[in-house]
Amino acid sequence: MDMSNSQELIDSLVALVSTWGIQVVGAIAVLIIGRWVAGWARKVSGRGMTKANLDASLVPFLSSIIYYLVLTVVVIAVLNLFGIQTTSIIAVLGAAGLAVGLAMQGTLSNIAAGVMLLIFRPFRPGDFVDVAGIAGTVAEVGLFSTTLNTPDNVKIIAPNSSVYGETMKNFSANDTRRNDMVMGISYSDDIGRAIEIITKALDGDSRVLKDPAPVVAVSELADSSVNIVVRPWCKKEDYWGLRFDMTRQLKEQLEAAGISIPFPQRDVHLFQESGSAAA
């Protein structure tokens, strides 16, 4: 009886091994090869993105996504080897992913916006920008947020979803910028003489570019002054220095030439009623 039971057990084991042995060996082989392929795909994609000058903080993120996507395909292939229907599993994972996505939609939107910012690079660290109502120098662009330092050195961290969804002004993107200034002179002053003095001051500053040529012209007959626009072009790094220096220089040179820079004023006329009218 014992011998017959042992023989039945051996027969059952042999049948089990013959039935599932190939699947188990195949599954192990698929897992080993699949993991190697996933690692290879991560290295190759990372190397390719680095050669494409993709942002350094984005390379490990995208290469990890590729790695886990390949592993997911490998796991599904292993389950299929054992005859497991993966359709329902995929549906459950999809529903779970949807639930997690809805719960983390704010975080995921920041990640998506961060990826777009790092791929398209509307601005880079060191650029001075005006975005989402914030003006400052970009310190860092991450997957979740963008860090800026304001001109008075206040650190501001803005979510990427609000940064990418807003209109951006990048003051550092172009090599040259135009300075827009207005000089007001009195109505009694010589306009041609004032324009001549301003033009000479611009020609004497090496920071003012010859091309495009600066513009000096009468722009407005205001209430208290004749306004002359002064629009020199300069390199972006000379913008503020030129603006500060030229504002002072033009005031001093205009005043030295006897041309006044009037301030807003109002004339008040008083009329005295006659005695008979008052009676």
C-alpha atoms as a PDB file:
ATOM      1  CA  MET A   1       0.000   0.000   0.000  1.00  0.00           C
ATOM      2  CA  ASP A   2       2.824   2.338   0.869  1.00  0.00           C
ATOM      3  CA  MET A   3       4.598   1.490  -2.349  1.00  0.00           C
ATOM      4  CA  SER A   4       1.503   2.202  -4.402  1.00  0.00           C
ATOM      5  CA  ASN A   5       0.996   5.552  -2.626  1.00  0.00           C
ATOM      6  CA  SER A   6       4.606   6.495  -3.236  1.00  0.00           C
ATOM      7  CA  GLN A   7       4.285   5.555  -6.866  1.00  0.00           C
ATOM      8  CA  GLU A   8       1.134   7.661  -7.185  1.00  0.00           C
ATOM      9  CA  LEU A   9       2.931  10.596  -5.572  1.00  0.00           C
ATOM     10  CA  ILE A  10       5.878  10.235  -7.916  1.00  0.00           C
ATOM     11  CA  ASP A  11       3.544  10.010 -10.882  1.00  0.00           C
ATOM     12  CA  SER A  12       1.744  13.156  -9.717  1.00  0.00           C
ATOM     13  CA  LEU A  13       5.024  15.021  -9.330  1.00  0.00           C
ATOM     14  CA  VAL A  14       6.194  13.904 -12.739  1.00  0.00           C
ATOM     15  CA  ALA A  15       2.900  15.022 -14.270  1.00  0.00           C
ATOM     16  CA  LEU A  16       3.121  18.343 -12.441  1.00  0.00           C
ATOM     17  CA  VAL A  17       6.689  18.959 -13.562  1.00  0.00           C
ATOM     18  CA  SER A  18       5.913  17.947 -17.120  1.00  0.00           C
ATOM     19  CA  THR A  19       2.889  20.234 -17.145  1.00  0.00           C
ATOM     20  CA  TRP A  20       4.328  23.320 -15.434  1.00  0.00           C
ATOM     21  CA  GLY A  21       8.066  22.797 -15.624  1.00  0.00           C
ATOM     22  CA  ILE A  22       8.442  24.280 -19.079  1.00  0.00           C
ATOM     23  CA  GLN A  23       6.256  27.248 -18.125  1.00  0.00           C
ATOM     24  CA  VAL A  24       8.264  27.902 -14.952  1.00  0.00           C
ATOM     25  CA  VAL A  25      11.585  27.662 -16.768  1.00  0.00           C
ATOM     26  CA  GLY A  26      10.230  29.838 -19.549  1.00  0.00           C
ATOM     27  CA  ALA A  27       8.891  32.388 -17.057  1.00  0.00           C
ATOM     28  CA  ILE A  28      12.241  32.595 -15.254  1.00  0.00           C
ATOM     29  CA  ALA A  29      14.018  32.998 -18.572  1.00  0.00           C
ATOM     30  CA  VAL A  30      11.583  35.727 -19.659  1.00  0.00           C
ATOM     31  CA  LEU A  31      12.045  37.552 -16.347  1.00  0.00           C
ATOM     32  CA  ILE A  32      15.827  37.439 -16.572  1.00  0.00           C
ATOM     33  CA  ILE A  33      15.931  38.494 -20.218  1.00  0.00           C
ATOM     34  CA  GLY A  34      13.184  41.076 -19.726  1.00  0.00           C
ATOM     35  CA  ARG A  35      14.985  42.694 -16.796  1.00  0.00           C
ATOM     36  CA  TRP A  36      18.167  42.845 -18.813  1.00  0.00           C
ATOM     37  CA  VAL A  37      16.296  44.407 -21.748  1.00  0.00           C
ATOM     38  CA  ALA A  38      14.673  46.948 -19.399  1.00  0.00           C
ATOM     39  CA  GLY A  39      18.048  47.941 -17.980  1.00  0.00           C
ATOM     40  CA  TRP A  40      19.540  48.138 -21.463  1.00  0.00           C
ATOM     41  CA  ALA A  41      16.638  50.310 -22.657  1.00  0.00           C
ATOM     42  CA  ARG A  42      17.120  52.652 -19.685  1.00  0.00           C
ATOM     43  CA  LYS A  43      20.840  53.056 -20.393  1.00  0.00           C
ATOM     44  CA  VAL A  44      20.407  53.541 -24.130  1.00  0.00           C
ATOM     45  CA  SER A  45      17.556  56.036 -23.728  1.00  0.00           C
ATOM     46  CA  GLY A  46      19.461  57.938 -21.048  1.00  0.00           C
ATOM     47  CA  ARG A  47      22.560  58.097 -23.238  1.00  0.00           C
ATOM     48  CA  GLY A  48      20.511  59.269 -26.206  1.00  0.00           C
ATOM     49  CA  MET A  49      18.735  61.990 -24.221  1.00  0.00           C
ATOM     50  CA  THR A  50      22.066  63.184 -22.831  1.00  0.00           C
ATOM     51  CA  LYS A  51      23.527  63.444 -26.337  1.00  0.00           C
ATOM     52  CA  ALA A  52      20.397  65.373 -27.361  1.00  0.00           C
ATOM     53  CA  ASN A  53      21.234  67.927 -24.626  1.00  0.00           C
ATOM     54  CA  LEU A  54      18.043  67.180 -22.718  1.00  0.00           C
ATOM     55  CA  ASP A  55      17.904  68.678 -19.245  1.00  0.00           C
ATOM     56  CA  ALA A  56      19.947  66.656 -16.737  1.00  0.00           C
ATOM     57  CA  SER A  57      17.080  66.478 -14.236  1.00  0.00           C
ATOM     58  CA  LEU A  58      14.745  65.068 -16.906  1.00  0.00           C
ATOM     59  CA  VAL A  59      16.993  62.253 -18.145  1.00  0.00           C
ATOM     60  CA  PRO A  60      16.719  59.934 -15.087  1.00  0.00           C
ATOM     61  CA  PHE A  61      12.983  60.574 -14.830  1.00  0.00           C
ATOM     62  CA  LEU A  62      12.198  59.611 -18.426  1.00  0.00           C
ATOM     63  CA  SER A  63      14.659  56.715 -18.490  1.00  0.00           C
ATOM     64  CA  SER A  64      13.075  55.287 -15.312  1.00  0.00           C
ATOM     65  CA  ILE A  65       9.639  55.498 -16.920  1.00  0.00           C
ATOM     66  CA  ILE A  66      10.958  53.515 -19.904  1.00  0.00           C
ATOM     67  CA  TYR A  67      12.510  50.944 -17.533  1.00  0.00           C
ATOM     68  CA  TYR A  68       9.275  50.305 -15.653  1.00  0.00           C
ATOM     69  CA  LEU A  69       7.178  50.218 -18.811  1.00  0.00           C
ATOM     70  CA  VAL A  70       9.380  47.432 -20.183  1.00  0.00           C
ATOM     71  CA  LEU A  71       9.151  45.561 -16.866  1.00  0.00           C
ATOM     72  CA  THR A  72       5.361  45.860 -16.966  1.00  0.00           C
ATOM     73  CA  VAL A  73       5.282  44.264 -20.414  1.00  0.00           C
ATOM     74  CA  VAL A  74       7.597  41.484 -19.145  1.00  0.00           C
ATOM     75  CA  VAL A  75       5.343  40.718 -16.164  1.00  0.00           C
ATOM     76  CA  ILE A  76       2.275  40.557 -18.423  1.00  0.00           C
ATOM     77  CA  ALA A  77       4.137  38.170 -20.753  1.00  0.00           C
ATOM     78  CA  VAL A  78       5.050  35.916 -17.790  1.00  0.00           C
ATOM     79  CA  LEU A  79       1.436  35.782 -16.635  1.00  0.00           C
ATOM     80  CA  ASN A  80       0.354  34.826 -20.130  1.00  0.00           C
ATOM     81  CA  LEU A  81       2.794  31.900 -20.038  1.00  0.00           C
ATOM     82  CA  PHE A  82       0.837  30.450 -17.137  1.00  0.00           C
ATOM     83  CA  GLY A  83      -2.453  30.893 -18.951  1.00  0.00           C
ATOM     84  CA  ILE A  84      -3.605  33.732 -16.692  1.00  0.00           C
ATOM     85  CA  GLN A  85      -6.007  36.122 -18.396  1.00  0.00           C
ATOM     86  CA  THR A  86      -4.327  39.505 -18.084  1.00  0.00           C
ATOM     87  CA  THR A  87      -7.204  41.484 -19.566  1.00  0.00           C
ATOM     88  CA  SER A  88      -8.984  41.766 -16.240  1.00  0.00           C
ATOM     89  CA  ILE A  89      -5.714  42.556 -14.455  1.00  0.00           C
ATOM     90  CA  ILE A  90      -4.959  45.329 -16.915  1.00  0.00           C
ATOM     91  CA  ALA A  91      -8.486  46.678 -16.427  1.00  0.00           C
ATOM     92  CA  VAL A  92      -8.038  46.684 -12.639  1.00  0.00           C
ATOM     93  CA  LEU A  93      -4.653  48.383 -12.951  1.00  0.00           C
ATOM     94  CA  GLY A  94      -6.164  50.935 -15.306  1.00  0.00           C
ATOM     95  CA  ALA A  95      -8.981  51.689 -12.870  1.00  0.00           C
ATOM     96  CA  ALA A  96      -6.492  51.955 -10.011  1.00  0.00           C
ATOM     97  CA  GLY A  97      -4.313  54.233 -12.105  1.00  0.00           C
ATOM     98  CA  LEU A  98      -7.317  56.418 -12.906  1.00  0.00           C
ATOM     99  CA  ALA A  99      -8.217  56.681  -9.224  1.00  0.00           C
ATOM    100  CA  VAL A 100      -4.660  57.571  -8.289  1.00  0.00           C
ATOM    101  CA  GLY A 101      -4.498  60.070 -11.143  1.00  0.00           C
ATOM    102  CA  LEU A 102      -7.676  61.816  -9.985  1.00  0.00           C
ATOM    103  CA  ALA A 103      -6.392  61.927  -6.421  1.00  0.00           C
ATOM    104  CA  MET A 104      -3.029  63.318  -7.506  1.00  0.00           C
ATOM    105  CA  GLN A 105      -4.126  65.415 -10.472  1.00  0.00           C
ATOM    106  CA  GLY A 106      -2.498  68.538  -9.044  1.00  0.00           C
ATOM    107  CA  THR A 107       0.853  66.794  -8.597  1.00  0.00           C
ATOM    108  CA  LEU A 108       0.627  65.058 -11.960  1.00  0.00           C
ATOM    109  CA  SER A 109      -0.217  68.326 -13.716  1.00  0.00           C
ATOM    110  CA  ASN A 110       2.884  69.872 -12.144  1.00  0.00           C
ATOM    111  CA  ILE A 111       4.990  66.946 -13.382  1.00  0.00           C
ATOM    112  CA  ALA A 112       3.527  67.181 -16.888  1.00  0.00           C
ATOM    113  CA  ALA A 113       4.152  70.942 -16.965  1.00  0.00           C
ATOM    114  CA  GLY A 114       7.676  70.399 -15.632  1.00  0.00           C
ATOM    115  CA  VAL A 115       8.416  67.900 -18.404  1.00  0.00           C
ATOM    116  CA  MET A 116       7.155  70.391 -21.007  1.00  0.00           C
ATOM    117  CA  LEU A 117       9.262  73.185 -19.509  1.00  0.00           C
ATOM    118  CA  LEU A 118      12.368  71.010 -19.497  1.00  0.00           C
ATOM    119  CA  ILE A 119      11.807  69.795 -23.066  1.00  0.00           C
ATOM    120  CA  PHE A 120      10.853  73.053 -24.790  1.00  0.00           C
ATOM    121  CA  ARG A 121      12.949  75.336 -22.516  1.00  0.00           C
ATOM    122  CA  PRO A 122      11.048  78.636 -22.793  1.00  0.00           C
ATOM    123  CA  PHE A 123      13.549  79.867 -20.209  1.00  0.00           C
ATOM    124  CA  ARG A 124      16.714  78.598 -18.556  1.00  0.00           C
ATOM    125  CA  PRO A 125      18.371  79.116 -15.177  1.00  0.00           C
ATOM    126  CA  GLY A 126      19.828  82.614 -15.109  1.00  0.00           C
ATOM    127  CA  ASP A 127      17.145  84.170 -17.343  1.00  0.00           C
ATOM    128  CA  PHE A 128      15.145  87.119 -16.047  1.00  0.00           C
ATOM    129  CA  VAL A 129      11.458  86.400 -16.674  1.00  0.00           C
ATOM    130  CA  ASP A 130       7.989  87.652 -15.858  1.00  0.00           C
ATOM    131  CA  VAL A 131       5.623  84.706 -15.479  1.00  0.00           C
ATOM    132  CA  ALA A 132       2.552  83.923 -13.363  1.00  0.00           C
ATOM    133  CA  GLY A 133       2.673  87.475 -12.016  1.00  0.00           C
ATOM    134  CA  ILE A 134       6.246  86.988 -10.763  1.00  0.00           C
ATOM    135  CA  ALA A 135       9.283  88.850 -12.078  1.00  0.00           C
ATOM    136  CA  GLY A 136      12.659  87.395 -11.182  1.00  0.00           C
ATOM    137  CA  THR A 137      15.728  85.435 -12.198  1.00  0.00           C
ATOM    138  CA  VAL A 138      15.195  81.701 -12.765  1.00  0.00           C
ATOM    139  CA  ALA A 139      17.219  79.722 -10.235  1.00  0.00           C
ATOM    140  CA  GLU A 140      15.975  76.197 -10.981  1.00  0.00           C
ATOM    141  CA  VAL A 141      13.417  74.385 -13.130  1.00  0.00           C
ATOM    142  CA  GLY A 142      12.359  71.115 -11.503  1.00  0.00           C
ATOM    143  CA  LEU A 143       9.741  68.488 -12.237  1.00  0.00           C
ATOM    144  CA  PHE A 144       7.297  69.891  -9.675  1.00  0.00           C
ATOM    145  CA  SER A 145       8.118  73.592  -9.335  1.00  0.00           C
ATOM    146  CA  THR A 146      10.158  76.491 -10.677  1.00  0.00           C
ATOM    147  CA  THR A 147      12.317  78.565  -8.330  1.00  0.00           C
ATOM    148  CA  LEU A 148      12.890  82.260  -8.979  1.00  0.00           C
ATOM    149  CA  ASN A 149      14.795  84.982  -7.146  1.00  0.00           C
ATOM    150  CA  THR A 150      13.223  88.445  -7.290  1.00  0.00           C
ATOM    151  CA  PRO A 151      15.386  91.567  -7.814  1.00  0.00           C
ATOM    152  CA  ASP A 152      15.277  92.191  -4.031  1.00  0.00           C
ATOM    153  CA  ASN A 153      16.537  88.612  -3.505  1.00  0.00           C
ATOM    154  CA  VAL A 154      13.308  86.971  -2.341  1.00  0.00           C
ATOM    155  CA  LYS A 155      13.086  83.278  -3.206  1.00  0.00           C
ATOM    156  CA  ILE A 156       9.773  82.293  -4.806  1.00  0.00           C
ATOM    157  CA  ILE A 157       8.737  78.713  -5.608  1.00  0.00           C
ATOM    158  CA  ALA A 158       5.926  78.502  -8.170  1.00  0.00           C
ATOM    159  CA  PRO A 159       4.088  75.290  -9.199  1.00  0.00           C
ATOM    160  CA  ASN A 160       4.945  74.292 -12.747  1.00  0.00           C
ATOM    161  CA  SER A 161       1.277  74.026 -13.717  1.00  0.00           C
ATOM    162  CA  SER A 162       0.774  77.743 -13.048  1.00  0.00           C
ATOM    163  CA  VAL A 163       4.059  78.658 -14.749  1.00  0.00           C
ATOM    164  CA  TYR A 164       3.480  76.695 -17.966  1.00  0.00           C
ATOM    165  CA  GLY A 165      -0.149  77.767 -18.253  1.00  0.00           C
ATOM    166  CA  GLU A 166       0.620  81.491 -18.186  1.00  0.00           C
ATOM    167  CA  THR A 167       1.994  83.988 -20.697  1.00  0.00           C
ATOM    168  CA  MET A 168       5.763  84.241 -20.252  1.00  0.00           C
ATOM    169  CA  LYS A 169       8.052  87.223 -20.775  1.00  0.00           C
ATOM    170  CA  ASN A 170      11.705  86.272 -21.090  1.00  0.00           C
ATOM    171  CA  PHE A 171      13.840  89.405 -20.929  1.00  0.00           C
ATOM    172  CA  SER A 172      17.059  87.426 -21.388  1.00  0.00           C
ATOM    173  CA  ALA A 173      16.117  85.397 -24.453  1.00  0.00           C
ATOM    174  CA  ASN A 174      17.299  87.904 -27.078  1.00  0.00           C
ATOM    175  CA  ASP A 175      20.809  89.307 -27.270  1.00  0.00           C
ATOM    176  CA  THR A 176      19.675  92.922 -27.683  1.00  0.00           C
ATOM    177  CA  ARG A 177      17.004  95.077 -26.065  1.00  0.00           C
ATOM    178  CA  ARG A 178      15.569  98.538 -26.640  1.00  0.00           C
ATOM    179  CA  ASN A 179      15.554 101.151 -23.894  1.00  0.00           C
ATOM    180  CA  ASP A 180      12.425 103.313 -23.952  1.00  0.00           C
ATOM    181  CA  MET A 181      12.886 106.691 -22.226  1.00  0.00           C
ATOM    182  CA  VAL A 182      10.949 109.949 -22.362  1.00  0.00           C
ATOM    183  CA  MET A 183      12.472 113.415 -21.896  1.00  0.00           C
ATOM    184  CA  GLY A 184      10.115 116.361 -21.472  1.00  0.00           C
ATOM    185  CA  ILE A 185      11.116 119.908 -22.468  1.00  0.00           C
ATOM    186  CA  SER A 186       9.344 123.218 -22.146  1.00  0.00           C
ATOM    187  CA  TYR A 187       7.099 124.549 -24.898  1.00  0.00           C
ATOM    188  CA  SER A 188       9.366 127.578 -25.162  1.00  0.00           C
ATOM    189  CA  ASP A 189      12.535 125.500 -25.749  1.00  0.00           C
ATOM    190  CA  ASP A 190      14.101 124.717 -29.125  1.00  0.00           C
ATOM    191  CA  ILE A 191      13.022 121.180 -30.060  1.00  0.00           C
ATOM    192  CA  GLY A 192      15.711 120.792 -32.707  1.00  0.00           C
ATOM    193  CA  ARG A 193      18.444 121.793 -30.267  1.00  0.00           C
ATOM    194  CA  ALA A 194      17.140 119.323 -27.673  1.00  0.00           C
ATOM    195  CA  ILE A 195      17.107 116.479 -30.221  1.00  0.00           C
ATOM    196  CA  GLU A 196      20.638 117.402 -31.283  1.00  0.00           C
ATOM    197  CA  ILE A 197      21.914 117.218 -27.680  1.00  0.00           C
ATOM    198  CA  ILE A 198      20.197 113.875 -27.057  1.00  0.00           C
ATOM    199  CA  THR A 199      21.530 112.388 -30.314  1.00  0.00           C
ATOM    200  CA  LYS A 200      25.062 113.527 -29.489  1.00  0.00           C
ATOM    201  CA  ALA A 201      24.848 111.937 -26.034  1.00  0.00           C
ATOM    202  CA  LEU A 202      23.717 108.637 -27.552  1.00  0.00           C
ATOM    203  CA  ASP A 203      26.502 108.713 -30.144  1.00  0.00           C
ATOM    204  CA  GLY A 204      29.058 109.213 -27.377  1.00  0.00           C
ATOM    205  CA  ASP A 205      28.067 106.097 -25.458  1.00  0.00           C
ATOM    206  CA  SER A 206      29.747 102.915 -26.697  1.00  0.00           C
ATOM    207  CA  ARG A 207      26.937 100.765 -25.278  1.00  0.00           C
ATOM    208  CA  VAL A 208      24.417 102.211 -27.736  1.00  0.00           C
ATOM    209  CA  LEU A 209      24.228 100.029 -30.842  1.00  0.00           C
ATOM    210  CA  LYS A 210      24.447 101.566 -34.303  1.00  0.00           C
ATOM    211  CA  ASP A 211      22.183  98.879 -35.763  1.00  0.00           C
ATOM    212  CA  PRO A 212      19.302  99.125 -35.093  1.00  0.00           C
ATOM    213  CA  ALA A 213      19.752 102.888 -35.015  1.00  0.00           C
ATOM    214  CA  PRO A 214      18.415 104.771 -31.986  1.00  0.00           C
ATOM    215  CA  VAL A 215      15.190 106.744 -32.365  1.00  0.00           C
ATOM    216  CA  VAL A 216      14.838 110.312 -31.063  1.00  0.00           C
ATOM    217  CA  ALA A 217      11.517 111.961 -31.933  1.00  0.00           C
ATOM    218  CA  VAL A 218       8.697 114.093 -30.568  1.00  0.00           C
ATOM    219  CA  SER A 219       6.032 111.718 -29.305  1.00  0.00           C
ATOM    220  CA  GLU A 220       3.499 113.882 -27.469  1.00  0.00           C
ATOM    221  CA  LEU A 221       2.411 117.432 -26.775  1.00  0.00           C
ATOM    222  CA  ALA A 222       1.569 116.898 -23.127  1.00  0.00           C
ATOM    223  CA  ASP A 223      -0.105 119.255 -20.660  1.00  0.00           C
ATOM    224  CA  SER A 224       3.137 120.694 -19.283  1.00  0.00           C
ATOM    225  CA  SER A 225       5.848 119.569 -21.705  1.00  0.00           C
ATOM    226  CA  VAL A 226       6.827 118.502 -25.176  1.00  0.00           C
ATOM    227  CA  ASN A 227       7.760 114.845 -24.753  1.00  0.00           C
ATOM    228  CA  ILE A 228      10.653 113.414 -26.750  1.00  0.00           C
ATOM    229  CA  VAL A 229      11.061 109.624 -26.914  1.00  0.00           C
ATOM    230  CA  VAL A 230      14.612 108.304 -26.657  1.00  0.00           C
ATOM    231  CA  ARG A 231      14.952 104.698 -27.826  1.00  0.00           C
ATOM    232  CA  PRO A 232      18.515 103.370 -28.031  1.00  0.00           C
ATOM    233  CA  TRP A 233      19.300  99.683 -28.571  1.00  0.00           C
ATOM    234  CA  CYS A 234      21.918  97.902 -26.483  1.00  0.00           C
ATOM    235  CA  LYS A 235      23.078  94.448 -25.447  1.00  0.00           C
ATOM    236  CA  LYS A 236      20.878  92.816 -22.853  1.00  0.00           C
ATOM    237  CA  GLU A 237      23.593  92.937 -20.178  1.00  0.00           C
ATOM    238  CA  ASP A 238      23.944  96.719 -20.675  1.00  0.00           C
ATOM    239  CA  TYR A 239      20.210  97.475 -20.387  1.00  0.00           C
ATOM    240  CA  TRP A 240      19.948  98.814 -16.851  1.00  0.00           C
ATOM    241  CA  GLY A 241      23.380 100.430 -16.754  1.00  0.00           C
ATOM    242  CA  LEU A 242      22.663 102.359 -19.949  1.00  0.00           C
ATOM    243  CA  ARG A 243      19.200 103.362 -18.743  1.00  0.00           C
ATOM    244  CA  PHE A 244      20.433 104.724 -15.411  1.00  0.00           C
ATOM    245  CA  ASP A 245      23.462 106.527 -16.840  1.00  0.00           C
ATOM    246  CA  MET A 246      21.651 107.987 -19.846  1.00  0.00           C
ATOM    247  CA  THR A 247      18.754 109.326 -17.767  1.00  0.00           C
ATOM    248  CA  ARG A 248      21.135 111.326 -15.593  1.00  0.00           C
ATOM    249  CA  GLN A 249      23.373 112.371 -18.496  1.00  0.00           C
ATOM    250  CA  LEU A 250      20.503 113.679 -20.616  1.00  0.00           C
ATOM    251  CA  LYS A 251      19.093 115.728 -17.737  1.00  0.00           C
ATOM    252  CA  GLU A 252      22.449 117.322 -16.992  1.00  0.00           C
ATOM    253  CA  GLN A 253      23.302 118.064 -20.628  1.00  0.00           C
ATOM    254  CA  LEU A 254      19.875 119.494 -21.439  1.00  0.00           C
ATOM    255  CA  GLU A 255      19.982 121.758 -18.400  1.00  0.00           C
ATOM    256  CA  ALA A 256      23.562 122.821 -19.232  1.00  0.00           C
ATOM    257  CA  ALA A 257      22.337 123.914 -22.672  1.00  0.00           C
ATOM    258  CA  GLY A 258      19.606 126.046 -21.095  1.00  0.00           C
ATOM    259  CA  ILE A 259      16.782 123.645 -21.945  1.00  0.00           C
ATOM    260  CA  SER A 260      14.409 123.196 -19.045  1.00  0.00           C
ATOM    261  CA  ILE A 261      12.702 119.997 -17.996  1.00  0.00           C
ATOM    262  CA  PRO A 262       9.319 121.203 -16.702  1.00  0.00           C
ATOM    263  CA  PHE A 263       7.323 119.541 -14.003  1.00  0.00           C
ATOM    264  CA  PRO A 264       3.518 119.271 -14.096  1.00  0.00           C
ATOM    265  CA  GLN A 265       1.914 122.605 -13.258  1.00  0.00           C
ATOM    266  CA  ARG A 266      -1.466 124.268 -13.393  1.00  0.00           C
ATOM    267  CA  ASP A 267      -2.316 127.904 -13.900  1.00  0.00           C
ATOM    268  CA  VAL A 268      -5.075 129.263 -11.634  1.00  0.00           C
ATOM    269  CA  HIS A 269      -6.791 132.510 -12.598  1.00  0.00           C
ATOM    270  CA  LEU A 270      -8.699 134.494  -9.952  1.00  0.00           C
ATOM    271  CA  PHE A 271     -11.442 136.902 -10.953  1.00  0.00           C
ATOM    272  CA  GLN A 272     -12.693 139.488  -8.445  1.00  0.00           C
ATOM    273  CA  GLU A 273     -16.385 140.327  -8.604  1.00  0.00           C
ATOM    274  CA  SER A 274     -17.314 144.003  -8.788  1.00  0.00           C
ATOM    275  CA  GLY A 275     -18.861 145.776  -5.809  1.00  0.00           C
ATOM    276  CA  SER A 276     -22.129 146.392  -7.582  1.00  0.00           C
ATOM    277  CA  ALA A 277     -22.488 142.761  -8.497  1.00  0.00           C
ATOM    278  CA  ALA A 278     -21.724 141.777  -4.913  1.00  0.00           C
ATOM    279  CA  ALA A 279     -24.458 144.186  -3.663  1.00  0.00           C
END
